[in-house]
Amino acid sequence: MEFTDATWFVGPRRLTVTAGTVVGNRYPANFDVLHLDAARPLAVVADGMGDGPGSTAAGRTAVEVFLRETTRETGRAGMEEPATASGPATASGPTTASGPTTASGPTTASGPTALRAAVAEVQRAVREAGRAIAGLTGCTLTAFVGDTDGSAWLVQLGDSRAYRLRDGVFELLTSDHTAAWLGLLNAWYAADSREAYRDRHRLTRFAGHPGMPEPDLINVSLRPGDRFLLCTDGVSDQIHDRRLAEALTERITVTELLAETLDHGGDDNATAVMIVVS
């Protein structure tokens, strides 16, 4: 397991963040990519599709380009290179993030226009990275991005997830971009049907998709006591939502949550980010 933490300030709110990733028992390597920024309120999770070189290239490219395209230096025009200690976190070495965000240094280009533009660049870059690689090159992309108005944006492409616990109510904030999700919403088949099981990992939107689909963008307020969870399907597929709700309510750690994925078989790489607002 690999872990990192950070403290951010978004408007009047203090956000305490912990994150981690684990390889699990099925794959020899970790195809999840995690970045938790030390200098600004930004967390990014990508889950590579499959276990080949295209999966590795897609996840790393998506996170690196998203960081680059959403970074701007305070008081300077144009985009700058992201200020990170050692690049995105992977199983071989996460970025260490600590200390509060300050007024100087890098800030995040947020808001729907900037975030859509950043994801469009991610799409182009992942597609380009896949030209020299046989097989599928693609990944999910889910991000938490603090805004200057004191709120935050969730960026969603694929089937990683963002949850929130607020005032005792546990909610899934994002939608899965899968054929199964569409099937359930449109009542094409039941949740426990053979068709739903078959379609659960058939992604309709992802980074590297030939159609370059846009992400979902969700603006969320930040209230004291809010607890957010971003995770790959290695967490949500192995741990039931009821248990995830209990985990946030009981305030278990990221370490304990990822250990539970191993207890449930460790059938996938698993990555989680917990954000506590005060």
Protein backbone atom coordinates (compact mmCIF):
# COMPACT_ATOMS: atom_id res chain seq x y z
CA MET A 1 0.00 0.00 0.00
CA GLU A 2 1.08 3.58 -0.70
CA PHE A 3 -0.36 6.61 1.14
CA THR A 4 -0.17 10.39 1.09
CA ASP A 5 -1.93 13.32 2.78
CA ALA A 6 -2.51 17.04 2.42
CA THR A 7 -4.19 20.03 4.03
CA TRP A 8 -5.98 22.53 1.81
CA PHE A 9 -7.87 25.77 2.34
CA VAL A 10 -10.84 26.55 0.07
CA GLY A 11 -12.42 29.87 1.02
CA PRO A 12 -13.07 29.71 4.76
CA ARG A 13 -12.93 25.90 4.84
CA ARG A 14 -10.07 23.68 5.89
CA LEU A 15 -9.89 20.36 4.06
CA THR A 16 -7.93 17.46 5.52
CA VAL A 17 -7.15 14.85 2.90
CA THR A 18 -5.72 11.34 2.97
CA ALA A 19 -5.27 9.04 0.00
CA GLY A 20 -3.87 5.66 -0.82
CA THR A 21 -3.62 2.93 -3.42
CA VAL A 22 -3.06 -0.82 -3.30
CA VAL A 23 -2.18 -3.32 -6.03
CA GLY A 24 -4.43 -6.10 -4.75
CA ASN A 25 -4.09 -9.79 -5.56
CA ARG A 26 -5.18 -10.06 -9.20
CA TYR A 27 -2.66 -7.92 -11.08
CA PRO A 28 1.15 -7.85 -10.86
CA ALA A 29 1.20 -4.02 -11.05
CA ASN A 30 -0.94 -1.03 -10.19
CA PHE A 31 -2.75 0.48 -13.18
CA ASP A 32 -4.45 3.10 -11.00
CA VAL A 33 -2.80 6.53 -10.92
CA LEU A 34 -3.29 8.84 -7.94
CA HIS A 35 -2.26 12.47 -7.52
CA LEU A 36 -2.86 14.45 -4.34
CA ASP A 37 -1.53 17.99 -4.72
CA ALA A 38 0.50 19.59 -1.96
CA ALA A 39 0.12 23.18 -3.13
CA ARG A 40 -3.51 23.47 -4.19
CA PRO A 41 -6.89 21.77 -3.57
CA LEU A 42 -6.71 19.14 -6.29
CA ALA A 43 -7.01 15.35 -6.23
CA VAL A 44 -7.03 13.22 -9.37
CA VAL A 45 -7.68 9.49 -9.75
CA ALA A 46 -7.32 7.54 -13.01
CA ASP A 47 -8.01 3.84 -13.53
CA GLY A 48 -6.36 2.28 -16.58
CA MET A 49 -8.50 -0.03 -18.69
CA GLY A 50 -7.05 -3.52 -18.77
CA ASP A 51 -3.58 -4.59 -17.71
CA GLY A 52 -1.45 -3.84 -20.78
CA PRO A 53 0.88 -1.00 -21.79
CA GLY A 54 -2.08 1.04 -23.04
CA SER A 55 -3.55 1.03 -19.55
CA THR A 56 -0.32 2.31 -18.03
CA ALA A 57 0.18 4.96 -20.71
CA ALA A 58 -3.40 6.20 -20.50
CA GLY A 59 -3.49 6.67 -16.73
CA ARG A 60 -0.15 8.44 -16.49
CA THR A 61 -0.85 10.63 -19.50
CA ALA A 62 -4.33 11.60 -18.34
CA VAL A 63 -3.18 12.67 -14.89
CA GLU A 64 -0.07 14.51 -16.09
CA VAL A 65 -1.98 16.45 -18.76
CA PHE A 66 -4.89 17.28 -16.44
CA LEU A 67 -2.43 18.67 -13.88
CA ARG A 68 -0.63 20.70 -16.51
CA GLU A 69 -3.77 22.10 -18.06
CA THR A 70 -5.33 23.14 -14.74
CA THR A 71 -2.21 24.78 -13.29
CA ARG A 72 -1.55 28.50 -13.32
CA GLU A 73 1.01 30.49 -11.36
CA THR A 74 -0.28 33.29 -9.13
CA GLY A 75 0.33 36.67 -10.71
CA ARG A 76 1.60 35.22 -14.00
CA ALA A 77 -0.18 34.88 -17.32
CA GLY A 78 -0.72 31.58 -19.08
CA MET A 79 -0.37 27.98 -18.02
CA GLU A 80 2.65 26.75 -16.14
CA GLU A 81 4.04 23.34 -15.32
CA PRO A 82 2.40 21.73 -12.27
CA ALA A 83 4.24 22.12 -8.99
CA THR A 84 4.55 18.55 -7.71
CA ALA A 85 7.21 16.85 -5.68
CA SER A 86 7.69 13.81 -7.90
CA GLY A 87 4.78 13.39 -10.29
CA PRO A 88 1.57 11.42 -9.91
CA ALA A 89 1.31 8.75 -7.23
CA THR A 90 1.53 5.15 -8.34
CA ALA A 91 2.24 1.87 -6.59
CA SER A 92 5.94 2.58 -7.02
CA GLY A 93 5.97 5.93 -5.28
CA PRO A 94 3.24 8.49 -4.52
CA THR A 95 3.71 12.22 -4.40
CA THR A 96 4.04 13.30 -0.78
CA ALA A 97 1.66 16.14 -0.08
CA SER A 98 1.72 18.13 3.14
CA GLY A 99 1.22 21.65 4.35
CA PRO A 100 -1.58 24.13 3.66
CA THR A 101 -2.31 25.84 0.40
CA THR A 102 -1.05 29.43 0.41
CA ALA A 103 -1.79 32.49 -1.67
CA SER A 104 1.49 32.24 -3.57
CA GLY A 105 2.62 29.55 -5.99
CA PRO A 106 0.40 27.45 -8.24
CA THR A 107 -3.37 27.76 -8.23
CA THR A 108 -5.97 25.82 -10.14
CA ALA A 109 -7.75 26.95 -13.27
CA SER A 110 -11.26 25.90 -12.26
CA GLY A 111 -14.78 26.47 -13.49
CA PRO A 112 -16.60 24.59 -16.23
CA THR A 113 -14.89 26.21 -19.22
CA ALA A 114 -11.37 25.59 -17.92
CA LEU A 115 -12.13 22.05 -16.78
CA ARG A 116 -13.77 21.05 -20.05
CA ALA A 117 -10.77 22.45 -21.92
CA ALA A 118 -8.41 20.50 -19.67
CA VAL A 119 -10.28 17.24 -20.28
CA ALA A 120 -10.31 17.90 -24.02
CA GLU A 121 -6.51 18.12 -23.88
CA VAL A 122 -6.46 14.88 -21.87
CA GLN A 123 -8.52 13.20 -24.58
CA ARG A 124 -6.17 14.35 -27.32
CA ALA A 125 -3.05 13.37 -25.40
CA VAL A 126 -4.30 9.88 -24.48
CA ARG A 127 -5.38 9.25 -28.06
CA GLU A 128 -1.94 10.34 -29.28
CA ALA A 129 -0.19 8.16 -26.68
CA GLY A 130 -2.14 5.17 -27.93
CA ARG A 131 -1.12 5.49 -31.58
CA ALA A 132 2.09 3.53 -31.05
CA ILE A 133 0.57 0.96 -28.67
CA ALA A 134 -1.25 -2.18 -29.76
CA GLY A 135 -4.60 -2.72 -28.08
CA LEU A 136 -6.78 -0.39 -26.06
CA THR A 137 -5.34 2.80 -24.54
CA GLY A 138 -7.86 4.29 -22.15
CA CYS A 139 -8.65 5.14 -18.54
CA THR A 140 -11.19 6.73 -16.24
CA LEU A 141 -10.62 10.20 -14.79
CA THR A 142 -12.20 11.52 -11.60
CA ALA A 143 -11.03 14.73 -9.93
CA PHE A 144 -11.86 17.00 -6.99
CA VAL A 145 -10.95 20.61 -7.78
CA GLY A 146 -11.29 23.45 -5.28
CA ASP A 147 -12.66 26.74 -6.68
CA THR A 148 -11.89 30.33 -5.71
CA ASP A 149 -15.52 30.91 -4.69
CA GLY A 150 -15.23 28.43 -1.81
CA SER A 151 -16.92 25.52 -3.58
CA ALA A 152 -15.42 22.55 -5.42
CA TRP A 153 -15.86 20.82 -8.77
CA LEU A 154 -16.08 17.11 -9.40
CA VAL A 155 -14.84 16.01 -12.82
CA GLN A 156 -16.14 12.62 -13.95
CA LEU A 157 -15.20 10.46 -16.93
CA GLY A 158 -15.71 6.70 -16.56
CA ASP A 159 -16.77 4.57 -13.61
CA SER A 160 -14.61 5.69 -10.73
CA ARG A 161 -16.83 7.39 -8.17
CA ALA A 162 -17.29 10.33 -5.81
CA TYR A 163 -19.45 9.98 -2.68
CA ARG A 164 -20.42 12.46 0.03
CA LEU A 165 -21.59 12.07 3.61
CA ARG A 166 -23.46 15.20 4.77
CA ASP A 167 -25.67 15.48 7.85
CA GLY A 168 -25.86 11.70 8.09
CA VAL A 169 -26.93 11.26 4.44
CA PHE A 170 -24.61 9.20 2.22
CA GLU A 171 -24.88 10.01 -1.49
CA LEU A 172 -23.28 8.88 -4.72
CA LEU A 173 -22.60 12.21 -6.48
CA THR A 174 -21.32 10.86 -9.78
CA SER A 175 -22.81 8.62 -12.46
CA ASP A 176 -21.04 5.58 -13.87
CA HIS A 177 -20.41 5.99 -17.58
CA THR A 178 -21.18 2.35 -18.35
CA ALA A 179 -23.68 0.47 -20.48
CA ALA A 180 -25.03 -1.11 -17.29
CA TRP A 181 -25.78 2.32 -15.78
CA LEU A 182 -27.72 3.31 -18.91
CA GLY A 183 -29.54 -0.01 -18.83
CA LEU A 184 -30.68 0.52 -15.25
CA LEU A 185 -31.69 4.16 -15.76
CA ASN A 186 -33.71 3.28 -18.84
CA ALA A 187 -35.20 0.11 -17.30
CA TRP A 188 -33.75 -2.08 -20.04
CA TYR A 189 -33.00 -4.75 -17.43
CA ALA A 190 -32.89 -5.34 -13.68
CA ALA A 191 -29.90 -4.57 -11.50
CA ASP A 192 -29.38 -8.26 -10.70
CA SER A 193 -29.79 -9.44 -14.30
CA ARG A 194 -27.23 -11.23 -16.44
CA GLU A 195 -27.23 -8.23 -18.79
CA ALA A 196 -26.37 -5.78 -16.01
CA TYR A 197 -23.49 -7.99 -14.91
CA ARG A 198 -22.24 -8.27 -18.49
CA ASP A 199 -22.36 -4.52 -19.11
CA ARG A 200 -20.98 -3.29 -15.78
CA HIS A 201 -17.49 -2.61 -17.20
CA ARG A 202 -18.49 -1.56 -20.71
CA LEU A 203 -17.53 2.11 -20.51
CA THR A 204 -19.47 4.60 -22.61
CA ARG A 205 -17.14 7.49 -21.75
CA PHE A 206 -13.45 7.39 -20.90
CA ALA A 207 -10.17 9.16 -21.61
CA GLY A 208 -8.93 7.86 -24.96
CA HIS A 209 -12.42 7.23 -26.38
CA PRO A 210 -12.48 7.78 -30.18
CA GLY A 211 -15.41 10.20 -29.81
CA MET A 212 -13.56 12.31 -27.21
CA PRO A 213 -16.64 12.63 -24.95
CA GLU A 214 -16.90 15.49 -22.47
CA PRO A 215 -16.86 14.86 -18.70
CA ASP A 216 -19.64 15.41 -16.22
CA LEU A 217 -18.92 18.51 -14.13
CA ILE A 218 -20.59 18.80 -10.72
CA ASN A 219 -20.28 21.87 -8.51
CA VAL A 220 -20.53 21.09 -4.78
CA SER A 221 -20.67 23.39 -1.78
CA LEU A 222 -18.35 22.69 1.15
CA ARG A 223 -19.88 22.59 4.62
CA PRO A 224 -18.20 21.81 7.94
CA GLY A 225 -18.61 18.11 8.64
CA ASP A 226 -18.79 17.07 4.98
CA ARG A 227 -16.82 13.95 4.15
CA PHE A 228 -16.04 13.07 0.52
CA LEU A 229 -14.75 9.79 -0.88
CA LEU A 230 -13.24 9.44 -4.36
CA CYS A 231 -12.45 5.87 -5.37
CA THR A 232 -11.82 3.54 -8.27
CA ASP A 233 -14.07 0.57 -8.94
CA GLY A 234 -11.54 -1.59 -7.11
CA VAL A 235 -13.12 -0.08 -3.98
CA SER A 236 -16.77 0.34 -5.00
CA ASP A 237 -17.04 -3.09 -6.67
CA GLN A 238 -15.63 -4.92 -3.66
CA ILE A 239 -17.18 -2.94 -0.80
CA HIS A 240 -20.95 -2.40 -0.75
CA ASP A 241 -22.27 1.17 -0.57
CA ARG A 242 -23.79 0.45 2.85
CA ARG A 243 -20.32 -0.40 4.15
CA LEU A 244 -18.82 2.69 2.50
CA ALA A 245 -21.44 4.80 4.28
CA GLU A 246 -20.53 3.12 7.57
CA ALA A 247 -16.85 3.70 6.85
CA LEU A 248 -17.34 7.47 6.46
CA THR A 249 -19.71 7.63 9.42
CA GLU A 250 -17.35 5.65 11.65
CA ARG A 251 -14.40 7.65 10.30
CA ILE A 252 -12.22 4.71 9.45
CA THR A 253 -8.93 5.51 7.75
CA VAL A 254 -7.95 5.07 4.11
CA THR A 255 -5.56 2.37 5.29
CA GLU A 256 -8.41 0.43 6.88
CA LEU A 257 -10.68 0.91 3.86
CA LEU A 258 -8.09 -0.40 1.41
CA ALA A 259 -7.31 -3.29 3.75
CA GLU A 260 -10.99 -4.25 3.48
CA THR A 261 -10.63 -4.52 -0.31
CA LEU A 262 -7.91 -7.10 0.30
CA ASP A 263 -10.13 -8.89 2.80
CA HIS A 264 -12.78 -9.09 0.07
CA GLY A 265 -10.32 -10.77 -2.29
CA GLY A 266 -8.25 -7.92 -3.67
CA ASP A 267 -9.64 -8.61 -7.13
CA ASP A 268 -8.55 -5.25 -8.56
CA ASN A 269 -6.23 -2.33 -7.98
CA ALA A 270 -7.95 -0.09 -5.42
CA THR A 271 -7.48 3.64 -4.82
CA ALA A 272 -9.27 5.97 -2.41
CA VAL A 273 -9.18 9.66 -1.44
CA MET A 274 -10.93 10.85 1.73
CA ILE A 275 -11.63 14.58 2.18
CA VAL A 276 -12.89 16.01 5.47
CA VAL A 277 -14.22 19.58 5.57
CA SER A 278 -13.99 21.75 8.69
